[in-house]
PDB file of N, CA and C in Angstrom:
ATOM      1  N   MET A   1     156.779  92.864 -82.362  1.00  0.00           N
ATOM      2  CA  MET A   1     157.167  91.227 -81.846  1.00  0.00           C
ATOM      3  C   MET A   1     156.542  91.114 -80.500  1.00  0.00           C
ATOM      4  N   LEU A   2     155.610  90.219 -80.079  1.00  0.00           N
ATOM      5  CA  LEU A   2     155.512  90.241 -78.814  1.00  0.00           C
ATOM      6  C   LEU A   2     156.273  89.363 -77.936  1.00  0.00           C
ATOM      7  N   THR A   3     156.679  89.934 -76.849  1.00  0.00           N
ATOM      8  CA  THR A   3     157.391  89.009 -75.741  1.00  0.00           C
ATOM      9  C   THR A   3     156.633  89.057 -74.467  1.00  0.00           C
ATOM     10  N   GLY A   4     157.406  87.648 -73.968  1.00  0.00           N
ATOM     11  CA  GLY A   4     156.837  87.633 -72.436  1.00  0.00           C
ATOM     12  C   GLY A   4     156.737  86.434 -72.084  1.00  0.00           C
ATOM     13  N   GLU A   5     157.257  85.525 -72.589  1.00  0.00           N
ATOM     14  CA  GLU A   5     157.103  84.085 -72.262  1.00  0.00           C
ATOM     15  C   GLU A   5     157.856  83.898 -71.031  1.00  0.00           C
ATOM     16  N   ALA A   6     157.133  83.325 -70.146  1.00  0.00           N
ATOM     17  CA  ALA A   6     158.071  83.034 -68.766  1.00  0.00           C
ATOM     18  C   ALA A   6     158.609  84.344 -68.000  1.00  0.00           C
ATOM     19  N   ARG A   7     157.584  85.528 -68.304  1.00  0.00           N
ATOM     20  CA  ARG A   7     158.035  86.689 -67.554  1.00  0.00           C
ATOM     21  C   ARG A   7     156.555  87.149 -67.005  1.00  0.00           C
ATOM     22  N   SER A   8     156.808  87.875 -66.272  1.00  0.00           N
ATOM     23  CA  SER A   8     155.360  88.664 -65.570  1.00  0.00           C
ATOM     24  C   SER A   8     154.572  89.216 -66.034  1.00  0.00           C
ATOM     25  N   TYR A   9     154.857  89.955 -67.626  1.00  0.00           N
ATOM     26  CA  TYR A   9     153.974  90.899 -68.417  1.00  0.00           C
ATOM     27  C   TYR A   9     154.139  90.218 -69.700  1.00  0.00           C
ATOM     28  N   LEU A  10     153.326  91.007 -70.616  1.00  0.00           N
ATOM     29  CA  LEU A  10     153.986  91.130 -72.063  1.00  0.00           C
ATOM     30  C   LEU A  10     154.382  92.583 -72.424  1.00  0.00           C
ATOM     31  N   SER A  11     155.221  92.493 -73.218  1.00  0.00           N
ATOM     32  CA  SER A  11     156.074  93.434 -73.874  1.00  0.00           C
ATOM     33  C   SER A  11     156.028  93.455 -75.504  1.00  0.00           C
ATOM     34  N   VAL A  12     156.481  94.550 -76.124  1.00  0.00           N
ATOM     35  CA  VAL A  12     156.138  94.512 -77.782  1.00  0.00           C
ATOM     36  C   VAL A  12     157.575  95.293 -78.085  1.00  0.00           C
ATOM     37  N   LEU A  13     158.353  94.698 -79.089  1.00  0.00           N
ATOM     38  CA  LEU A  13     159.461  95.242 -79.784  1.00  0.00           C
ATOM     39  C   LEU A  13     158.678  95.696 -81.105  1.00  0.00           C
ATOM     40  N   ALA A  14     158.741  97.151 -81.154  1.00  0.00           N
ATOM     41  CA  ALA A  14     158.555  97.859 -82.248  1.00  0.00           C
ATOM     42  C   ALA A  14     159.001  98.576 -83.214  1.00  0.00           C
ATOM     43  N   VAL A  15     159.007  98.010 -84.425  1.00  0.00           N
ATOM     44  CA  VAL A  15     159.798  98.293 -85.536  1.00  0.00           C
ATOM     45  C   VAL A  15     159.005  99.612 -86.300  1.00  0.00           C
ATOM     46  N   LEU A  16     159.398 100.902 -86.437  1.00  0.00           N
ATOM     47  CA  LEU A  16     158.516 101.842 -87.328  1.00  0.00           C
ATOM     48  C   LEU A  16     158.684 101.876 -88.634  1.00  0.00           C
ATOM     49  N   ASN A  17     157.431 101.972 -89.551  1.00  0.00           N
ATOM     50  CA  ASN A  17     157.857 102.226 -90.778  1.00  0.00           C
ATOM     51  C   ASN A  17     158.227 103.563 -90.816  1.00  0.00           C
ATOM     52  N   PRO A  18     159.200 103.798 -91.887  1.00  0.00           N
ATOM     53  CA  PRO A  18     160.029 105.103 -92.010  1.00  0.00           C
ATOM     54  C   PRO A  18     159.072 106.191 -92.449  1.00  0.00           C
ATOM     55  N   ALA A  19     157.780 105.928 -93.221  1.00  0.00           N
ATOM     56  CA  ALA A  19     157.113 107.061 -93.552  1.00  0.00           C
ATOM     57  C   ALA A  19     156.129 107.352 -92.268  1.00  0.00           C
ATOM     58  N   ARG A  20     155.689 106.362 -91.651  1.00  0.00           N
ATOM     59  CA  ARG A  20     154.831 106.439 -90.625  1.00  0.00           C
ATOM     60  C   ARG A  20     155.815 107.033 -89.454  1.00  0.00           C
ATOM     61  N   TRP A  21     156.793 106.798 -89.057  1.00  0.00           N
ATOM     62  CA  TRP A  21     157.655 107.712 -87.976  1.00  0.00           C
ATOM     63  C   TRP A  21     157.763 108.982 -88.505  1.00  0.00           C
ATOM     64  N   GLN A  22     157.904 109.421 -89.703  1.00  0.00           N
ATOM     65  CA  GLN A  22     158.181 111.012 -89.792  1.00  0.00           C
ATOM     66  C   GLN A  22     156.380 111.390 -89.665  1.00  0.00           C
ATOM     67  N   ASP A  23     155.489 110.735 -89.870  1.00  0.00           N
ATOM     68  CA  ASP A  23     154.189 111.241 -89.319  1.00  0.00           C
ATOM     69  C   ASP A  23     154.035 111.339 -87.792  1.00  0.00           C
ATOM     70  N   LEU A  24     154.490 110.192 -87.059  1.00  0.00           N
ATOM     71  CA  LEU A  24     154.507 110.514 -85.912  1.00  0.00           C
ATOM     72  C   LEU A  24     155.223 111.819 -85.090  1.00  0.00           C
ATOM     73  N   ILE A  25     156.767 111.861 -85.763  1.00  0.00           N
ATOM     74  CA  ILE A  25     157.470 112.758 -84.914  1.00  0.00           C
ATOM     75  C   ILE A  25     156.783 114.281 -85.133  1.00  0.00           C
ATOM     76  N   ALA A  26     155.918 114.330 -86.660  1.00  0.00           N
ATOM     77  CA  ALA A  26     155.582 115.608 -86.763  1.00  0.00           C
ATOM     78  C   ALA A  26     154.184 115.811 -86.061  1.00  0.00           C
ATOM     79  N   HIS A  27     153.505 114.959 -85.593  1.00  0.00           N
ATOM     80  CA  HIS A  27     152.016 115.219 -85.040  1.00  0.00           C
ATOM     81  C   HIS A  27     152.518 115.221 -83.823  1.00  0.00           C
ATOM     82  N   TYR A  28     153.713 114.863 -82.884  1.00  0.00           N
ATOM     83  CA  TYR A  28     153.685 114.517 -81.535  1.00  0.00           C
ATOM     84  C   TYR A  28     155.166 115.738 -81.454  1.00  0.00           C
ATOM     85  N   GLY A  29     155.580 116.247 -82.210  1.00  0.00           N
ATOM     86  CA  GLY A  29     156.632 117.523 -82.308  1.00  0.00           C
ATOM     87  C   GLY A  29     157.706 116.705 -81.682  1.00  0.00           C
ATOM     88  N   LEU A  30     158.390 115.458 -81.644  1.00  0.00           N
ATOM     89  CA  LEU A  30     159.677 114.999 -81.641  1.00  0.00           C
ATOM     90  C   LEU A  30     160.810 115.127 -82.310  1.00  0.00           C
ATOM     91  N   ASP A  31     161.668 114.866 -81.614  1.00  0.00           N
ATOM     92  CA  ASP A  31     162.994 114.927 -82.617  1.00  0.00           C
ATOM     93  C   ASP A  31     163.525 113.466 -83.074  1.00  0.00           C
ATOM     94  N   ASP A  32     163.454 113.757 -84.639  1.00  0.00           N
ATOM     95  CA  ASP A  32     163.572 112.245 -85.100  1.00  0.00           C
ATOM     96  C   ASP A  32     165.022 111.695 -84.568  1.00  0.00           C
ATOM     97  N   ARG A  33     166.091 112.364 -83.963  1.00  0.00           N
ATOM     98  CA  ARG A  33     167.250 111.679 -83.609  1.00  0.00           C
ATOM     99  C   ARG A  33     167.227 111.039 -82.432  1.00  0.00           C
ATOM    100  N   LEU A  34     166.238 111.214 -81.443  1.00  0.00           N
ATOM    101  CA  LEU A  34     165.599 110.862 -80.202  1.00  0.00           C
ATOM    102  C   LEU A  34     166.759 110.630 -79.565  1.00  0.00           C
ATOM    103  N   ASP A  35     167.830 111.524 -79.287  1.00  0.00           N
ATOM    104  CA  ASP A  35     168.796 111.681 -78.557  1.00  0.00           C
ATOM    105  C   ASP A  35     168.963 111.528 -76.896  1.00  0.00           C
ATOM    106  N   SER A  36     167.764 111.841 -76.669  1.00  0.00           N
ATOM    107  CA  SER A  36     167.621 112.155 -75.098  1.00  0.00           C
ATOM    108  C   SER A  36     166.763 110.731 -74.576  1.00  0.00           C
ATOM    109  N   GLU A  37     167.032 110.083 -73.522  1.00  0.00           N
ATOM    110  CA  GLU A  37     166.424 109.342 -72.776  1.00  0.00           C
ATOM    111  C   GLU A  37     164.773 109.832 -72.335  1.00  0.00           C
ATOM    112  N   GLN A  38     164.561 111.068 -72.522  1.00  0.00           N
ATOM    113  CA  GLN A  38     163.277 111.495 -72.351  1.00  0.00           C
ATOM    114  C   GLN A  38     162.373 111.592 -73.588  1.00  0.00           C
ATOM    115  N   GLN A  39     163.397 111.735 -74.713  1.00  0.00           N
ATOM    116  CA  GLN A  39     162.690 111.853 -76.237  1.00  0.00           C
ATOM    117  C   GLN A  39     161.946 110.211 -76.501  1.00  0.00           C
ATOM    118  N   LYS A  40     163.192 109.073 -75.920  1.00  0.00           N
ATOM    119  CA  LYS A  40     162.644 107.674 -76.126  1.00  0.00           C
ATOM    120  C   LYS A  40     161.730 107.464 -75.259  1.00  0.00           C
ATOM    121  N   HIS A  41     161.796 108.082 -74.134  1.00  0.00           N
ATOM    122  CA  HIS A  41     160.612 107.556 -73.038  1.00  0.00           C
ATOM    123  C   HIS A  41     159.621 107.967 -73.813  1.00  0.00           C
ATOM    124  N   GLN A  42     159.219 109.375 -74.295  1.00  0.00           N
ATOM    125  CA  GLN A  42     158.002 109.946 -74.657  1.00  0.00           C
ATOM    126  C   GLN A  42     157.826 109.102 -75.652  1.00  0.00           C
ATOM    127  N   LEU A  43     158.224 108.761 -76.640  1.00  0.00           N
ATOM    128  CA  LEU A  43     157.944 107.863 -77.901  1.00  0.00           C
ATOM    129  C   LEU A  43     157.562 106.514 -77.527  1.00  0.00           C
ATOM    130  N   GLU A  44     158.141 105.784 -76.700  1.00  0.00           N
ATOM    131  CA  GLU A  44     157.734 104.579 -75.997  1.00  0.00           C
ATOM    132  C   GLU A  44     156.001 104.712 -75.636  1.00  0.00           C
ATOM    133  N   LYS A  45     155.767 105.784 -74.291  1.00  0.00           N
ATOM    134  CA  LYS A  45     154.650 106.062 -73.902  1.00  0.00           C
ATOM    135  C   LYS A  45     153.654 106.435 -75.417  1.00  0.00           C
ATOM    136  N   ILE A  46     153.580 106.775 -76.051  1.00  0.00           N
ATOM    137  CA  ILE A  46     153.025 107.394 -77.050  1.00  0.00           C
ATOM    138  C   ILE A  46     152.905 106.010 -77.960  1.00  0.00           C
ATOM    139  N   LEU A  47     153.630 105.038 -78.138  1.00  0.00           N
ATOM    140  CA  LEU A  47     153.306 103.715 -78.641  1.00  0.00           C
ATOM    141  C   LEU A  47     152.520 102.970 -78.165  1.00  0.00           C
ATOM    142  N   LEU A  48     152.613 102.985 -76.631  1.00  0.00           N
ATOM    143  CA  LEU A  48     152.098 101.971 -75.736  1.00  0.00           C
ATOM    144  C   LEU A  48     150.804 102.253 -75.506  1.00  0.00           C
ATOM    145  N   GLU A  49     150.334 103.938 -75.665  1.00  0.00           N
ATOM    146  CA  GLU A  49     149.048 104.419 -75.551  1.00  0.00           C
ATOM    147  C   GLU A  49     148.225 103.883 -76.859  1.00  0.00           C
ATOM    148  N   LYS A  50     148.814 103.835 -77.801  1.00  0.00           N
ATOM    149  CA  LYS A  50     148.270 103.453 -79.379  1.00  0.00           C
ATOM    150  C   LYS A  50     148.070 101.727 -79.165  1.00  0.00           C
ATOM    151  N   ILE A  51     148.873 101.081 -78.603  1.00  0.00           N
ATOM    152  CA  ILE A  51     148.788  99.764 -78.458  1.00  0.00           C
ATOM    153  C   ILE A  51     147.686  99.060 -77.582  1.00  0.00           C
ATOM    154  N   THR A  52     147.446  99.836 -76.750  1.00  0.00           N
ATOM    155  CA  THR A  52     146.462  99.704 -75.333  1.00  0.00           C
ATOM    156  C   THR A  52     145.403 100.139 -75.899  1.00  0.00           C
ATOM    157  N   HIS A  53     145.105 101.292 -77.075  1.00  0.00           N
ATOM    158  CA  HIS A  53     143.410 101.709 -77.417  1.00  0.00           C
ATOM    159  C   HIS A  53     143.336 100.215 -78.359  1.00  0.00           C
ATOM    160  N   GLN A  54     144.534  99.847 -79.387  1.00  0.00           N
ATOM    161  CA  GLN A  54     143.897  98.803 -79.956  1.00  0.00           C
ATOM    162  C   GLN A  54     143.517  97.542 -79.365  1.00  0.00           C
ATOM    163  N   THR A  55     144.111  97.269 -78.049  1.00  0.00           N
ATOM    164  CA  THR A  55     143.827  95.742 -77.135  1.00  0.00           C
ATOM    165  C   THR A  55     143.061  96.177 -76.061  1.00  0.00           C
ATOM    166  N   SER A  56     142.336  97.224 -76.087  1.00  0.00           N
ATOM    167  CA  SER A  56     141.552  97.643 -74.964  1.00  0.00           C
ATOM    168  C   SER A  56     140.413  96.447 -74.520  1.00  0.00           C
ATOM    169  N   GLU A  57     140.237  95.573 -75.326  1.00  0.00           N
ATOM    170  CA  GLU A  57     139.257  94.457 -74.985  1.00  0.00           C
ATOM    171  C   GLU A  57     139.695  93.399 -74.682  1.00  0.00           C
ATOM    172  N   PHE A  58     141.080  93.256 -74.734  1.00  0.00           N
ATOM    173  CA  PHE A  58     141.724  91.792 -74.150  1.00  0.00           C
ATOM    174  C   PHE A  58     141.563  91.703 -72.968  1.00  0.00           C
ATOM    175  N   PRO A  59     141.911  90.600 -72.432  1.00  0.00           N
ATOM    176  CA  PRO A  59     141.769  90.208 -70.925  1.00  0.00           C
ATOM    177  C   PRO A  59     143.057  90.415 -70.076  1.00  0.00           C
ATOM    178  N   GLY A  60     142.971  91.238 -69.155  1.00  0.00           N
ATOM    179  CA  GLY A  60     144.233  91.613 -68.223  1.00  0.00           C
ATOM    180  C   GLY A  60     145.450  90.874 -68.733  1.00  0.00           C
ATOM    181  N   TYR A  61     145.512  89.600 -68.621  1.00  0.00           N
ATOM    182  CA  TYR A  61     146.830  88.734 -68.787  1.00  0.00           C
ATOM    183  C   TYR A  61     147.176  89.015 -70.189  1.00  0.00           C
ATOM    184  N   ALA A  62     146.508  89.510 -71.136  1.00  0.00           N
ATOM    185  CA  ALA A  62     146.918  89.511 -72.395  1.00  0.00           C
ATOM    186  C   ALA A  62     147.397  91.436 -72.924  1.00  0.00           C
ATOM    187  N   LYS A  63     147.331  92.035 -71.863  1.00  0.00           N
ATOM    188  CA  LYS A  63     147.523  93.276 -72.194  1.00  0.00           C
ATOM    189  C   LYS A  63     149.247  93.573 -72.190  1.00  0.00           C
ATOM    190  N   ILE A  64     149.537  94.586 -73.106  1.00  0.00           N
ATOM    191  CA  ILE A  64     150.943  94.948 -73.324  1.00  0.00           C
ATOM    192  C   ILE A  64     151.420  95.803 -71.935  1.00  0.00           C
ATOM    193  N   ARG A  65     152.302  95.848 -71.669  1.00  0.00           N
ATOM    194  CA  ARG A  65     152.750  96.746 -70.640  1.00  0.00           C
ATOM    195  C   ARG A  65     153.903  97.774 -70.837  1.00  0.00           C
ATOM    196  N   ARG A  66     154.780  97.276 -71.789  1.00  0.00           N
ATOM    197  CA  ARG A  66     156.029  97.950 -72.153  1.00  0.00           C
ATOM    198  C   ARG A  66     156.379  97.754 -73.534  1.00  0.00           C
ATOM    199  N   VAL A  67     156.892  98.807 -74.078  1.00  0.00           N
ATOM    200  CA  VAL A  67     157.190  98.672 -75.726  1.00  0.00           C
ATOM    201  C   VAL A  67     158.834  99.001 -75.750  1.00  0.00           C
ATOM    202  N   ALA A  68     159.424  98.642 -76.358  1.00  0.00           N
ATOM    203  CA  ALA A  68     160.903  99.224 -76.822  1.00  0.00           C
ATOM    204  C   ALA A  68     160.916  99.414 -78.329  1.00  0.00           C
ATOM    205  N   VAL A  69     161.308 100.412 -78.985  1.00  0.00           N
ATOM    206  CA  VAL A  69     161.549 100.832 -80.206  1.00  0.00           C
ATOM    207  C   VAL A  69     162.673 100.539 -81.121  1.00  0.00           C
ATOM    208  N   ILE A  70     162.681  99.735 -81.930  1.00  0.00           N
ATOM    209  CA  ILE A  70     163.881  99.190 -82.816  1.00  0.00           C
ATOM    210  C   ILE A  70     163.972 100.238 -84.119  1.00  0.00           C
ATOM    211  N   HIS A  71     165.031 100.546 -84.199  1.00  0.00           N
ATOM    212  CA  HIS A  71     165.048 101.308 -85.305  1.00  0.00           C
ATOM    213  C   HIS A  71     165.824 100.478 -86.621  1.00  0.00           C
ATOM    214  N   GLU A  72     166.268  99.505 -86.330  1.00  0.00           N
ATOM    215  CA  GLU A  72     166.592  98.726 -87.437  1.00  0.00           C
ATOM    216  C   GLU A  72     165.285  97.690 -88.235  1.00  0.00           C
ATOM    217  N   SER A  73     165.174  97.963 -89.334  1.00  0.00           N
ATOM    218  CA  SER A  73     164.254  97.090 -90.269  1.00  0.00           C
ATOM    219  C   SER A  73     164.593  95.718 -90.024  1.00  0.00           C
ATOM    220  N   TRP A  74     163.379  94.966 -90.019  1.00  0.00           N
ATOM    221  CA  TRP A  74     164.089  93.241 -90.136  1.00  0.00           C
ATOM    222  C   TRP A  74     163.635  92.755 -91.215  1.00  0.00           C
ATOM    223  N   ASN A  75     164.656  92.128 -91.899  1.00  0.00           N
ATOM    224  CA  ASN A  75     164.571  91.585 -93.176  1.00  0.00           C
ATOM    225  C   ASN A  75     165.317  90.479 -93.403  1.00  0.00           C
ATOM    226  N   ILE A  76     165.398  90.122 -94.703  1.00  0.00           N
ATOM    227  CA  ILE A  76     166.094  88.723 -95.373  1.00  0.00           C
ATOM    228  C   ILE A  76     167.217  88.787 -94.864  1.00  0.00           C
ATOM    229  N   GLU A  77     168.047  90.029 -95.467  1.00  0.00           N
ATOM    230  CA  GLU A  77     169.314  90.268 -95.631  1.00  0.00           C
ATOM    231  C   GLU A  77     169.671  90.167 -94.016  1.00  0.00           C
ATOM    232  N   ASN A  78     169.422  90.743 -92.930  1.00  0.00           N
ATOM    233  CA  ASN A  78     169.618  90.732 -91.745  1.00  0.00           C
ATOM    234  C   ASN A  78     169.428  89.557 -90.963  1.00  0.00           C
ATOM    235  N   GLY A  79     168.921  88.679 -91.799  1.00  0.00           N
ATOM    236  CA  GLY A  79     168.520  87.269 -91.121  1.00  0.00           C
ATOM    237  C   GLY A  79     167.605  87.247 -89.906  1.00  0.00           C
ATOM    238  N   LEU A  80     166.943  88.454 -89.993  1.00  0.00           N
ATOM    239  CA  LEU A  80     165.622  88.234 -88.977  1.00  0.00           C
ATOM    240  C   LEU A  80     164.154  87.713 -89.446  1.00  0.00           C
ATOM    241  N   LEU A  81     164.258  87.633 -91.033  1.00  0.00           N
ATOM    242  CA  LEU A  81     162.926  86.933 -91.649  1.00  0.00           C
ATOM    243  C   LEU A  81     163.471  85.974 -92.526  1.00  0.00           C
ATOM    244  N   THR A  82     162.826  84.879 -92.747  1.00  0.00           N
ATOM    245  CA  THR A  82     162.750  84.049 -93.524  1.00  0.00           C
ATOM    246  C   THR A  82     162.658  84.439 -95.187  1.00  0.00           C
ATOM    247  N   PRO A  83     163.005  83.669 -96.059  1.00  0.00           N
ATOM    248  CA  PRO A  83     162.431  84.097 -97.405  1.00  0.00           C
ATOM    249  C   PRO A  83     161.050  84.305 -97.657  1.00  0.00           C
ATOM    250  N   THR A  84     160.551  83.774 -96.945  1.00  0.00           N
ATOM    251  CA  THR A  84     158.913  83.820 -97.041  1.00  0.00           C
ATOM    252  C   THR A  84     158.409  84.700 -96.341  1.00  0.00           C
ATOM    253  N   LEU A  85     158.970  85.952 -95.489  1.00  0.00           N
ATOM    254  CA  LEU A  85     158.895  86.788 -94.946  1.00  0.00           C
ATOM    255  C   LEU A  85     158.259  86.400 -93.540  1.00  0.00           C
ATOM    256  N   LYS A  86     158.596  85.200 -92.951  1.00  0.00           N
ATOM    257  CA  LYS A  86     158.109  85.455 -91.654  1.00  0.00           C
ATOM    258  C   LYS A  86     159.399  85.557 -90.519  1.00  0.00           C
ATOM    259  N   LEU A  87     159.272  85.827 -89.449  1.00  0.00           N
ATOM    260  CA  LEU A  87     159.754  86.380 -88.286  1.00  0.00           C
ATOM    261  C   LEU A  87     160.739  84.882 -87.876  1.00  0.00           C
ATOM    262  N   LYS A  88     162.014  85.313 -87.758  1.00  0.00           N
ATOM    263  CA  LYS A  88     162.493  84.402 -86.744  1.00  0.00           C
ATOM    264  C   LYS A  88     162.816  84.466 -85.462  1.00  0.00           C
ATOM    265  N   ARG A  89     162.019  84.227 -84.664  1.00  0.00           N
ATOM    266  CA  ARG A  89     161.850  84.738 -83.213  1.00  0.00           C
ATOM    267  C   ARG A  89     162.874  84.559 -82.428  1.00  0.00           C
ATOM    268  N   ALA A  90     163.218  83.287 -82.520  1.00  0.00           N
ATOM    269  CA  ALA A  90     164.852  82.930 -81.967  1.00  0.00           C
ATOM    270  C   ALA A  90     165.888  83.881 -82.328  1.00  0.00           C
ATOM    271  N   LYS A  91     165.882  84.484 -83.421  1.00  0.00           N
ATOM    272  CA  LYS A  91     167.069  85.348 -83.676  1.00  0.00           C
ATOM    273  C   LYS A  91     166.838  86.818 -83.160  1.00  0.00           C
ATOM    274  N   VAL A  92     165.585  87.218 -83.098  1.00  0.00           N
ATOM    275  CA  VAL A  92     165.180  88.463 -82.867  1.00  0.00           C
ATOM    276  C   VAL A  92     165.385  88.612 -81.035  1.00  0.00           C
ATOM    277  N   LEU A  93     164.933  87.332 -80.815  1.00  0.00           N
ATOM    278  CA  LEU A  93     165.293  87.508 -79.247  1.00  0.00           C
ATOM    279  C   LEU A  93     166.571  87.394 -78.777  1.00  0.00           C
ATOM    280  N   GLU A  94     167.523  87.018 -79.657  1.00  0.00           N
ATOM    281  CA  GLU A  94     168.968  86.846 -79.576  1.00  0.00           C
ATOM    282  C   GLU A  94     169.554  87.852 -79.816  1.00  0.00           C
ATOM    283  N   LYS A  95     169.356  88.619 -81.021  1.00  0.00           N
ATOM    284  CA  LYS A  95     169.853  89.808 -81.113  1.00  0.00           C
ATOM    285  C   LYS A  95     169.453  91.175 -80.245  1.00  0.00           C
ATOM    286  N   TYR A  96     167.907  91.441 -79.720  1.00  0.00           N
ATOM    287  CA  TYR A  96     167.560  92.334 -78.794  1.00  0.00           C
ATOM    288  C   TYR A  96     167.503  91.791 -77.235  1.00  0.00           C
ATOM    289  N   LYS A  97     168.284  90.819 -77.168  1.00  0.00           N
ATOM    290  CA  LYS A  97     168.298  90.315 -75.565  1.00  0.00           C
ATOM    291  C   LYS A  97     168.227  91.495 -74.759  1.00  0.00           C
ATOM    292  N   ALA A  98     169.542  92.418 -74.797  1.00  0.00           N
ATOM    293  CA  ALA A  98     169.363  93.374 -73.713  1.00  0.00           C
ATOM    294  C   ALA A  98     168.381  94.502 -73.637  1.00  0.00           C
ATOM    295  N   GLU A  99     167.988  94.776 -74.879  1.00  0.00           N
ATOM    296  CA  GLU A  99     166.591  95.479 -74.941  1.00  0.00           C
ATOM    297  C   GLU A  99     165.443  94.691 -74.271  1.00  0.00           C
ATOM    298  N   ILE A 100     165.377  93.529 -74.673  1.00  0.00           N
ATOM    299  CA  ILE A 100     164.264  92.940 -73.910  1.00  0.00           C
ATOM    300  C   ILE A 100     164.457  92.972 -72.287  1.00  0.00           C
ATOM    301  N   ASP A 101     165.838  92.807 -71.880  1.00  0.00           N
ATOM    302  CA  ASP A 101     166.014  92.500 -70.328  1.00  0.00           C
ATOM    303  C   ASP A 101     165.507  93.868 -70.118  1.00  0.00           C
ATOM    304  N   LYS A 102     165.778  94.953 -70.314  1.00  0.00           N
ATOM    305  CA  LYS A 102     165.590  96.302 -69.897  1.00  0.00           C
ATOM    306  C   LYS A 102     163.883  96.378 -69.680  1.00  0.00           C
ATOM    307  N   LEU A 103     163.248  95.882 -70.446  1.00  0.00           N
ATOM    308  CA  LEU A 103     161.768  95.892 -70.675  1.00  0.00           C
ATOM    309  C   LEU A 103     161.311  94.988 -68.863  1.00  0.00           C
ATOM    310  N   TYR A 104     162.265  94.229 -68.813  1.00  0.00           N
ATOM    311  CA  TYR A 104     161.682  93.559 -67.305  1.00  0.00           C
ATOM    312  C   TYR A 104     162.537  93.737 -66.123  1.00  0.00           C
ATOM    313  N   ILE A 105     163.244  95.026 -66.448  1.00  0.00           N
ATOM    314  CA  ILE A 105     164.144  95.533 -64.879  1.00  0.00           C
ATOM    315  C   ILE A 105     163.144  95.274 -63.732  1.00  0.00           C
ATOM    316  N   GLY A 106     163.076  95.081 -62.771  1.00  0.00           N
ATOM    317  CA  GLY A 106     162.584  94.767 -61.463  1.00  0.00           C
ATOM    318  C   GLY A 106     161.386  94.156 -61.383  1.00  0.00           C
ATOM    319  N   HIS A 107     161.303  92.942 -62.519  1.00  0.00           N
ATOM    320  CA  HIS A 107     159.980  92.334 -62.303  1.00  0.00           C
ATOM    321  C   HIS A 107     160.280  91.038 -62.303  1.00  0.00           C
TER     322      HIS A 107
END
């Protein structure tokens, strides 16, 4: 989910597909528990590079500057998706407020 309304830049909350997660940690030699801040930072850097590559032709104001990895899937049961599988942005923003605020510390 893209965030950044009324902020100085755009960020992403990324929920990883479990199968792709396993591929990613195997490819980059990461620990699947992500115990350390260094491991988390490395994963966020990898994801940001992938996002930057995919959005390289976007104008500067539309570029993604930070990524936060969310390990909980978003689904109907936890109230983050509607029955038609649309994202409930307000609920996501509320639930992950602390993570989003960390993305903008110092800006």
